[in-house]
Amino acid sequence: MLLDLFTKWFVFEKFEETGPVVLIPNVLGIICSENEGIVFGLAQGYNGIFVVLSFVALAAISWFYHSFNKSGFSTNIAFGMILSLVL
């Protein structure tokens, strides 16, 4: 998650004003764009709803985790990975 935040910060700091940067012509480039919705820009302008849904999902997953028979390290890792998707 920290790597994701760092790369987003880096791109917005370095490439926002310069425009697109071509790394490999016709193959790879970097362009700064902002997505205020969910995946592929869907539901832009509904951020508040997604914040509420994230907290509901976080509460539901946490409740399920505490009621689940925790049998070991792999279970903790699995629930941690699921929770990271909510964030």
PDB file of N, CA and C in Angstrom:
ATOM      1  N   MET A   1       0.824  -1.181   0.000  1.00  0.00           N
ATOM      2  CA  MET A   1       0.000   0.000   0.000  1.00  0.00           C
ATOM      3  C   MET A   1       0.871   1.248   0.000  1.00  0.00           C
ATOM      4  N   LEU A   2       1.953   1.208   0.767  1.00  0.00           N
ATOM      5  CA  LEU A   2       2.855   2.358   0.785  1.00  0.00           C
ATOM      6  C   LEU A   2       3.504   2.575  -0.571  1.00  0.00           C
ATOM      7  N   LEU A   3       3.856   1.488  -1.256  1.00  0.00           N
ATOM      8  CA  LEU A   3       4.435   1.608  -2.590  1.00  0.00           C
ATOM      9  C   LEU A   3       3.428   2.225  -3.554  1.00  0.00           C
ATOM     10  N   ASP A   4       2.165   1.830  -3.451  1.00  0.00           N
ATOM     11  CA  ASP A   4       1.114   2.395  -4.289  1.00  0.00           C
ATOM     12  C   ASP A   4       0.975   3.892  -4.045  1.00  0.00           C
ATOM     13  N   LEU A   5       0.934   4.297  -2.786  1.00  0.00           N
ATOM     14  CA  LEU A   5       0.818   5.718  -2.460  1.00  0.00           C
ATOM     15  C   LEU A   5       2.039   6.499  -2.932  1.00  0.00           C
ATOM     16  N   PHE A   6       3.230   5.912  -2.780  1.00  0.00           N
ATOM     17  CA  PHE A   6       4.449   6.585  -3.220  1.00  0.00           C
ATOM     18  C   PHE A   6       4.452   6.786  -4.731  1.00  0.00           C
ATOM     19  N   THR A   7       4.088   5.758  -5.493  1.00  0.00           N
ATOM     20  CA  THR A   7       4.111   5.900  -6.949  1.00  0.00           C
ATOM     21  C   THR A   7       3.079   6.920  -7.420  1.00  0.00           C
ATOM     22  N   LYS A   8       1.926   6.970  -6.776  1.00  0.00           N
ATOM     23  CA  LYS A   8       0.929   7.983  -7.136  1.00  0.00           C
ATOM     24  C   LYS A   8       1.445   9.378  -6.822  1.00  0.00           C
ATOM     25  N   TRP A   9       2.042   9.548  -5.653  1.00  0.00           N
ATOM     26  CA  TRP A   9       2.613  10.847  -5.295  1.00  0.00           C
ATOM     27  C   TRP A   9       3.693  11.241  -6.300  1.00  0.00           C
ATOM     28  N   PHE A  10       4.563  10.304  -6.643  1.00  0.00           N
ATOM     29  CA  PHE A  10       5.666  10.578  -7.562  1.00  0.00           C
ATOM     30  C   PHE A  10       5.148  11.019  -8.933  1.00  0.00           C
ATOM     31  N   VAL A  11       4.168  10.308  -9.461  1.00  0.00           N
ATOM     32  CA  VAL A  11       3.633  10.656 -10.779  1.00  0.00           C
ATOM     33  C   VAL A  11       2.976  12.026 -10.745  1.00  0.00           C
ATOM     34  N   PHE A  12       2.182  12.321  -9.722  1.00  0.00           N
ATOM     35  CA  PHE A  12       1.526  13.622  -9.656  1.00  0.00           C
ATOM     36  C   PHE A  12       2.532  14.749  -9.448  1.00  0.00           C
ATOM     37  N   GLU A  13       3.589  14.513  -8.700  1.00  0.00           N
ATOM     38  CA  GLU A  13       4.607  15.540  -8.478  1.00  0.00           C
ATOM     39  C   GLU A  13       5.437  15.802  -9.731  1.00  0.00           C
ATOM     40  N   LYS A  14       5.818  14.759 -10.429  1.00  0.00           N
ATOM     41  CA  LYS A  14       6.781  14.891 -11.523  1.00  0.00           C
ATOM     42  C   LYS A  14       6.152  15.047 -12.898  1.00  0.00           C
ATOM     43  N   PHE A  15       4.953  14.502 -13.114  1.00  0.00           N
ATOM     44  CA  PHE A  15       4.418  14.449 -14.462  1.00  0.00           C
ATOM     45  C   PHE A  15       3.136  15.236 -14.667  1.00  0.00           C
ATOM     46  N   GLU A  16       2.598  15.842 -13.635  1.00  0.00           N
ATOM     47  CA  GLU A  16       1.322  16.538 -13.774  1.00  0.00           C
ATOM     48  C   GLU A  16       1.423  17.710 -14.744  1.00  0.00           C
ATOM     49  N   GLU A  17       2.464  18.495 -14.654  1.00  0.00           N
ATOM     50  CA  GLU A  17       2.581  19.690 -15.486  1.00  0.00           C
ATOM     51  C   GLU A  17       3.334  19.452 -16.786  1.00  0.00           C
ATOM     52  N   THR A  18       4.124  18.393 -16.863  1.00  0.00           N
ATOM     53  CA  THR A  18       4.942  18.175 -18.057  1.00  0.00           C
ATOM     54  C   THR A  18       4.191  17.478 -19.177  1.00  0.00           C
ATOM     55  N   GLY A  19       3.080  16.858 -18.889  1.00  0.00           N
ATOM     56  CA  GLY A  19       2.352  16.118 -19.906  1.00  0.00           C
ATOM     57  C   GLY A  19       2.867  14.695 -20.005  1.00  0.00           C
ATOM     58  N   PRO A  20       2.451  13.978 -21.056  1.00  0.00           N
ATOM     59  CA  PRO A  20       2.843  12.574 -21.189  1.00  0.00           C
ATOM     60  C   PRO A  20       4.351  12.410 -21.369  1.00  0.00           C
ATOM     61  N   VAL A  21       4.881  11.343 -20.803  1.00  0.00           N
ATOM     62  CA  VAL A  21       6.299  11.007 -20.945  1.00  0.00           C
ATOM     63  C   VAL A  21       6.370   9.628 -21.586  1.00  0.00           C
ATOM     64  N   VAL A  22       7.036   9.548 -22.743  1.00  0.00           N
ATOM     65  CA  VAL A  22       7.172   8.278 -23.450  1.00  0.00           C
ATOM     66  C   VAL A  22       8.443   7.595 -22.976  1.00  0.00           C
ATOM     67  N   LEU A  23       8.301   6.395 -22.442  1.00  0.00           N
ATOM     68  CA  LEU A  23       9.454   5.618 -21.991  1.00  0.00           C
ATOM     69  C   LEU A  23       9.952   4.686 -23.092  1.00  0.00           C
ATOM     70  N   ILE A  24       9.031   3.973 -23.731  1.00  0.00           N
ATOM     71  CA  ILE A  24       9.334   3.122 -24.879  1.00  0.00           C
ATOM     72  C   ILE A  24       8.309   3.489 -25.948  1.00  0.00           C
ATOM     73  N   PRO A  25       8.748   4.084 -27.066  1.00  0.00           N
ATOM     74  CA  PRO A  25       7.797   4.556 -28.083  1.00  0.00           C
ATOM     75  C   PRO A  25       6.816   3.464 -28.528  1.00  0.00           C
ATOM     76  N   ASN A  26       5.552   3.837 -28.591  1.00  0.00           N
ATOM     77  CA  ASN A  26       4.445   2.968 -28.995  1.00  0.00           C
ATOM     78  C   ASN A  26       4.232   1.761 -28.075  1.00  0.00           C
ATOM     79  N   VAL A  27       4.897   1.739 -26.916  1.00  0.00           N
ATOM     80  CA  VAL A  27       4.743   0.618 -25.994  1.00  0.00           C
ATOM     81  C   VAL A  27       4.392   1.094 -24.594  1.00  0.00           C
ATOM     82  N   LEU A  28       5.192   2.013 -24.030  1.00  0.00           N
ATOM     83  CA  LEU A  28       5.039   2.377 -22.628  1.00  0.00           C
ATOM     84  C   LEU A  28       5.263   3.865 -22.426  1.00  0.00           C
ATOM     85  N   GLY A  29       4.334   4.479 -21.715  1.00  0.00           N
ATOM     86  CA  GLY A  29       4.457   5.886 -21.375  1.00  0.00           C
ATOM     87  C   GLY A  29       3.747   6.164 -20.063  1.00  0.00           C
ATOM     88  N   ILE A  30       3.971   7.357 -19.535  1.00  0.00           N
ATOM     89  CA  ILE A  30       3.331   7.764 -18.285  1.00  0.00           C
ATOM     90  C   ILE A  30       2.559   9.044 -18.548  1.00  0.00           C
ATOM     91  N   ILE A  31       1.312   9.052 -18.126  1.00  0.00           N
ATOM     92  CA  ILE A  31       0.492  10.248 -18.212  1.00  0.00           C
ATOM     93  C   ILE A  31      -0.224  10.411 -16.873  1.00  0.00           C
ATOM     94  N   CYS A  32      -0.351  11.619 -16.432  1.00  0.00           N
ATOM     95  CA  CYS A  32      -0.994  11.888 -15.152  1.00  0.00           C
ATOM     96  C   CYS A  32      -2.487  12.123 -15.386  1.00  0.00           C
ATOM     97  N   SER A  33      -3.312  11.314 -14.755  1.00  0.00           N
ATOM     98  CA  SER A  33      -4.756  11.503 -14.836  1.00  0.00           C
ATOM     99  C   SER A  33      -5.361  11.193 -13.472  1.00  0.00           C
ATOM    100  N   GLU A  34      -6.477  11.817 -13.198  1.00  0.00           N
ATOM    101  CA  GLU A  34      -7.114  11.641 -11.896  1.00  0.00           C
ATOM    102  C   GLU A  34      -8.458  10.954 -12.070  1.00  0.00           C
ATOM    103  N   ASN A  35      -8.669   9.886 -11.328  1.00  0.00           N
ATOM    104  CA  ASN A  35      -9.914   9.136 -11.356  1.00  0.00           C
ATOM    105  C   ASN A  35     -10.616   9.359 -10.021  1.00  0.00           C
ATOM    106  N   GLU A  36     -11.742  10.035 -10.052  1.00  0.00           N
ATOM    107  CA  GLU A  36     -12.472  10.313  -8.814  1.00  0.00           C
ATOM    108  C   GLU A  36     -13.592   9.311  -8.565  1.00  0.00           C
ATOM    109  N   GLY A  37     -13.665   8.283  -9.369  1.00  0.00           N
ATOM    110  CA  GLY A  37     -14.684   7.255  -9.179  1.00  0.00           C
ATOM    111  C   GLY A  37     -14.048   5.960  -8.724  1.00  0.00           C
ATOM    112  N   ILE A  38     -14.727   4.864  -9.038  1.00  0.00           N
ATOM    113  CA  ILE A  38     -14.159   3.554  -8.734  1.00  0.00           C
ATOM    114  C   ILE A  38     -13.482   3.047  -9.997  1.00  0.00           C
ATOM    115  N   VAL A  39     -13.280   1.786 -10.110  1.00  0.00           N
ATOM    116  CA  VAL A  39     -12.531   1.201 -11.213  1.00  0.00           C
ATOM    117  C   VAL A  39     -13.019   1.732 -12.570  1.00  0.00           C
ATOM    118  N   PHE A  40     -12.082   2.089 -13.416  1.00  0.00           N
ATOM    119  CA  PHE A  40     -12.325   2.619 -14.764  1.00  0.00           C
ATOM    120  C   PHE A  40     -13.174   3.887 -14.760  1.00  0.00           C
ATOM    121  N   GLY A  41     -13.184   4.632 -13.668  1.00  0.00           N
ATOM    122  CA  GLY A  41     -13.892   5.903 -13.604  1.00  0.00           C
ATOM    123  C   GLY A  41     -15.394   5.792 -13.413  1.00  0.00           C
ATOM    124  N   LEU A  42     -15.890   4.632 -13.064  1.00  0.00           N
ATOM    125  CA  LEU A  42     -17.328   4.476 -12.857  1.00  0.00           C
ATOM    126  C   LEU A  42     -17.775   5.190 -11.585  1.00  0.00           C
ATOM    127  N   ALA A  43     -18.994   5.677 -11.579  1.00  0.00           N
ATOM    128  CA  ALA A  43     -19.645   6.281 -10.411  1.00  0.00           C
ATOM    129  C   ALA A  43     -18.888   7.492  -9.875  1.00  0.00           C
ATOM    130  N   GLN A  44     -18.388   8.334 -10.760  1.00  0.00           N
ATOM    131  CA  GLN A  44     -17.699   9.538 -10.296  1.00  0.00           C
ATOM    132  C   GLN A  44     -18.693  10.462  -9.605  1.00  0.00           C
ATOM    133  N   GLY A  45     -18.263  11.053  -8.514  1.00  0.00           N
ATOM    134  CA  GLY A  45     -19.109  11.950  -7.749  1.00  0.00           C
ATOM    135  C   GLY A  45     -19.859  11.275  -6.609  1.00  0.00           C
ATOM    136  N   TYR A  46     -19.691   9.982  -6.450  1.00  0.00           N
ATOM    137  CA  TYR A  46     -20.376   9.245  -5.392  1.00  0.00           C
ATOM    138  C   TYR A  46     -19.396   8.755  -4.329  1.00  0.00           C
ATOM    139  N   ASN A  47     -18.375   9.533  -4.050  1.00  0.00           N
ATOM    140  CA  ASN A  47     -17.330   9.110  -3.112  1.00  0.00           C
ATOM    141  C   ASN A  47     -17.872   8.837  -1.716  1.00  0.00           C
ATOM    142  N   GLY A  48     -18.817   9.629  -1.257  1.00  0.00           N
ATOM    143  CA  GLY A  48     -19.373   9.450   0.084  1.00  0.00           C
ATOM    144  C   GLY A  48     -20.024   8.091   0.268  1.00  0.00           C
ATOM    145  N   ILE A  49     -20.709   7.631  -0.765  1.00  0.00           N
ATOM    146  CA  ILE A  49     -21.357   6.322  -0.693  1.00  0.00           C
ATOM    147  C   ILE A  49     -20.313   5.226  -0.535  1.00  0.00           C
ATOM    148  N   PHE A  50     -19.197   5.353  -1.265  1.00  0.00           N
ATOM    149  CA  PHE A  50     -18.168   4.321  -1.198  1.00  0.00           C
ATOM    150  C   PHE A  50     -17.423   4.337   0.128  1.00  0.00           C
ATOM    151  N   VAL A  51     -17.323   5.493   0.750  1.00  0.00           N
ATOM    152  CA  VAL A  51     -16.719   5.563   2.082  1.00  0.00           C
ATOM    153  C   VAL A  51     -17.604   4.815   3.076  1.00  0.00           C
ATOM    154  N   VAL A  52     -18.902   5.066   3.017  1.00  0.00           N
ATOM    155  CA  VAL A  52     -19.843   4.387   3.916  1.00  0.00           C
ATOM    156  C   VAL A  52     -19.827   2.879   3.661  1.00  0.00           C
ATOM    157  N   LEU A  53     -19.860   2.473   2.391  1.00  0.00           N
ATOM    158  CA  LEU A  53     -19.829   1.045   2.069  1.00  0.00           C
ATOM    159  C   LEU A  53     -18.531   0.392   2.530  1.00  0.00           C
ATOM    160  N   SER A  54     -17.427   1.123   2.460  1.00  0.00           N
ATOM    161  CA  SER A  54     -16.150   0.577   2.929  1.00  0.00           C
ATOM    162  C   SER A  54     -16.182   0.327   4.428  1.00  0.00           C
ATOM    163  N   PHE A  55     -16.759   1.262   5.193  1.00  0.00           N
ATOM    164  CA  PHE A  55     -16.855   1.065   6.641  1.00  0.00           C
ATOM    165  C   PHE A  55     -17.796  -0.093   6.982  1.00  0.00           C
ATOM    166  N   VAL A  56     -18.878  -0.234   6.232  1.00  0.00           N
ATOM    167  CA  VAL A  56     -19.793  -1.360   6.450  1.00  0.00           C
ATOM    168  C   VAL A  56     -19.070  -2.674   6.164  1.00  0.00           C
ATOM    169  N   ALA A  57     -18.325  -2.723   5.052  1.00  0.00           N
ATOM    170  CA  ALA A  57     -17.573  -3.938   4.715  1.00  0.00           C
ATOM    171  C   ALA A  57     -16.507  -4.225   5.761  1.00  0.00           C
ATOM    172  N   LEU A  58     -15.831  -3.183   6.229  1.00  0.00           N
ATOM    173  CA  LEU A  58     -14.809  -3.347   7.262  1.00  0.00           C
ATOM    174  C   LEU A  58     -15.416  -3.932   8.539  1.00  0.00           C
ATOM    175  N   ALA A  59     -16.573  -3.408   8.937  1.00  0.00           N
ATOM    176  CA  ALA A  59     -17.248  -3.924  10.136  1.00  0.00           C
ATOM    177  C   ALA A  59     -17.703  -5.369   9.936  1.00  0.00           C
ATOM    178  N   ALA A  60     -18.261  -5.682   8.776  1.00  0.00           N
ATOM    179  CA  ALA A  60     -18.743  -7.043   8.515  1.00  0.00           C
ATOM    180  C   ALA A  60     -17.591  -8.043   8.494  1.00  0.00           C
ATOM    181  N   ILE A  61     -16.493  -7.679   7.851  1.00  0.00           N
ATOM    182  CA  ILE A  61     -15.338  -8.586   7.786  1.00  0.00           C
ATOM    183  C   ILE A  61     -14.730  -8.765   9.169  1.00  0.00           C
ATOM    184  N   SER A  62     -14.652  -7.683   9.939  1.00  0.00           N
ATOM    185  CA  SER A  62     -14.111  -7.779  11.300  1.00  0.00           C
ATOM    186  C   SER A  62     -14.986  -8.667  12.177  1.00  0.00           C
ATOM    187  N   TRP A  63     -16.310  -8.506  12.071  1.00  0.00           N
ATOM    188  CA  TRP A  63     -17.224  -9.366  12.835  1.00  0.00           C
ATOM    189  C   TRP A  63     -17.044 -10.826  12.441  1.00  0.00           C
ATOM    190  N   PHE A  64     -16.968 -11.083  11.129  1.00  0.00           N
ATOM    191  CA  PHE A  64     -16.801 -12.450  10.657  1.00  0.00           C
ATOM    192  C   PHE A  64     -15.483 -13.039  11.150  1.00  0.00           C
ATOM    193  N   TYR A  65     -14.434 -12.231  11.148  1.00  0.00           N
ATOM    194  CA  TYR A  65     -13.123 -12.699  11.615  1.00  0.00           C
ATOM    195  C   TYR A  65     -13.189 -13.120  13.083  1.00  0.00           C
ATOM    196  N   HIS A  66     -13.827 -12.304  13.911  1.00  0.00           N
ATOM    197  CA  HIS A  66     -13.898 -12.612  15.339  1.00  0.00           C
ATOM    198  C   HIS A  66     -14.800 -13.809  15.636  1.00  0.00           C
ATOM    199  N   SER A  67     -15.768 -14.085  14.761  1.00  0.00           N
ATOM    200  CA  SER A  67     -16.635 -15.246  14.979  1.00  0.00           C
ATOM    201  C   SER A  67     -16.097 -16.503  14.291  1.00  0.00           C
ATOM    202  N   PHE A  68     -15.032 -16.355  13.508  1.00  0.00           N
ATOM    203  CA  PHE A  68     -14.449 -17.468  12.761  1.00  0.00           C
ATOM    204  C   PHE A  68     -13.483 -18.233  13.652  1.00  0.00           C
ATOM    205  N   ASN A  69     -13.394 -19.535  13.457  1.00  0.00           N
ATOM    206  CA  ASN A  69     -12.444 -20.359  14.207  1.00  0.00           C
ATOM    207  C   ASN A  69     -11.048 -20.115  13.647  1.00  0.00           C
ATOM    208  N   LYS A  70     -10.284 -19.292  14.331  1.00  0.00           N
ATOM    209  CA  LYS A  70      -8.941 -18.940  13.869  1.00  0.00           C
ATOM    210  C   LYS A  70      -8.012 -20.127  14.104  1.00  0.00           C
ATOM    211  N   SER A  71      -7.613 -20.765  13.015  1.00  0.00           N
ATOM    212  CA  SER A  71      -6.837 -21.993  13.165  1.00  0.00           C
ATOM    213  C   SER A  71      -5.354 -21.814  12.900  1.00  0.00           C
ATOM    214  N   GLY A  72      -4.902 -20.609  12.619  1.00  0.00           N
ATOM    215  CA  GLY A  72      -3.470 -20.472  12.409  1.00  0.00           C
ATOM    216  C   GLY A  72      -3.068 -19.210  11.677  1.00  0.00           C
ATOM    217  N   PHE A  73      -1.800 -19.172  11.386  1.00  0.00           N
ATOM    218  CA  PHE A  73      -1.177 -18.013  10.760  1.00  0.00           C
ATOM    219  C   PHE A  73      -1.773 -17.721   9.386  1.00  0.00           C
ATOM    220  N   SER A  74      -2.036 -18.753   8.601  1.00  0.00           N
ATOM    221  CA  SER A  74      -2.558 -18.547   7.244  1.00  0.00           C
ATOM    222  C   SER A  74      -3.947 -17.908   7.268  1.00  0.00           C
ATOM    223  N   THR A  75      -4.748 -18.217   8.274  1.00  0.00           N
ATOM    224  CA  THR A  75      -6.061 -17.586   8.407  1.00  0.00           C
ATOM    225  C   THR A  75      -5.909 -16.098   8.664  1.00  0.00           C
ATOM    226  N   ASN A  76      -4.987 -15.729   9.534  1.00  0.00           N
ATOM    227  CA  ASN A  76      -4.743 -14.315   9.810  1.00  0.00           C
ATOM    228  C   ASN A  76      -4.267 -13.585   8.559  1.00  0.00           C
ATOM    229  N   ILE A  77      -3.380 -14.211   7.799  1.00  0.00           N
ATOM    230  CA  ILE A  77      -2.894 -13.603   6.561  1.00  0.00           C
ATOM    231  C   ILE A  77      -4.045 -13.427   5.572  1.00  0.00           C
ATOM    232  N   ALA A  78      -4.890 -14.440   5.437  1.00  0.00           N
ATOM    233  CA  ALA A  78      -6.016 -14.371   4.504  1.00  0.00           C
ATOM    234  C   ALA A  78      -6.970 -13.239   4.869  1.00  0.00           C
ATOM    235  N   PHE A  79      -7.325 -13.120   6.144  1.00  0.00           N
ATOM    236  CA  PHE A  79      -8.217 -12.039   6.553  1.00  0.00           C
ATOM    237  C   PHE A  79      -7.543 -10.678   6.388  1.00  0.00           C
ATOM    238  N   GLY A  80      -6.261 -10.600   6.645  1.00  0.00           N
ATOM    239  CA  GLY A  80      -5.533  -9.349   6.424  1.00  0.00           C
ATOM    240  C   GLY A  80      -5.559  -8.930   4.970  1.00  0.00           C
ATOM    241  N   MET A  81      -5.409  -9.888   4.076  1.00  0.00           N
ATOM    242  CA  MET A  81      -5.452  -9.577   2.647  1.00  0.00           C
ATOM    243  C   MET A  81      -6.849  -9.132   2.224  1.00  0.00           C
ATOM    244  N   ILE A  82      -7.872  -9.764   2.765  1.00  0.00           N
ATOM    245  CA  ILE A  82      -9.244  -9.364   2.452  1.00  0.00           C
ATOM    246  C   ILE A  82      -9.512  -7.954   2.965  1.00  0.00           C
ATOM    247  N   LEU A  83      -9.077  -7.659   4.187  1.00  0.00           N
ATOM    248  CA  LEU A  83      -9.277  -6.316   4.740  1.00  0.00           C
ATOM    249  C   LEU A  83      -8.531  -5.259   3.938  1.00  0.00           C
ATOM    250  N   SER A  84      -7.373  -5.599   3.406  1.00  0.00           N
ATOM    251  CA  SER A  84      -6.611  -4.617   2.630  1.00  0.00           C
ATOM    252  C   SER A  84      -7.359  -4.213   1.366  1.00  0.00           C
ATOM    253  N   LEU A  85      -8.206  -5.080   0.848  1.00  0.00           N
ATOM    254  CA  LEU A  85      -8.992  -4.734  -0.335  1.00  0.00           C
ATOM    255  C   LEU A  85     -10.039  -3.672  -0.021  1.00  0.00           C
ATOM    256  N   VAL A  86     -10.509  -3.632   1.213  1.00  0.00           N
ATOM    257  CA  VAL A  86     -11.499  -2.634   1.613  1.00  0.00           C
ATOM    258  C   VAL A  86     -10.867  -1.248   1.649  1.00  0.00           C
ATOM    259  N   LEU A  87      -9.620  -1.194   2.066  1.00  0.00           N
ATOM    260  CA  LEU A  87      -8.937   0.086   2.183  1.00  0.00           C
ATOM    261  C   LEU A  87      -8.581   0.613   0.823  1.00  0.00           C
TER     262      LEU A  87
END
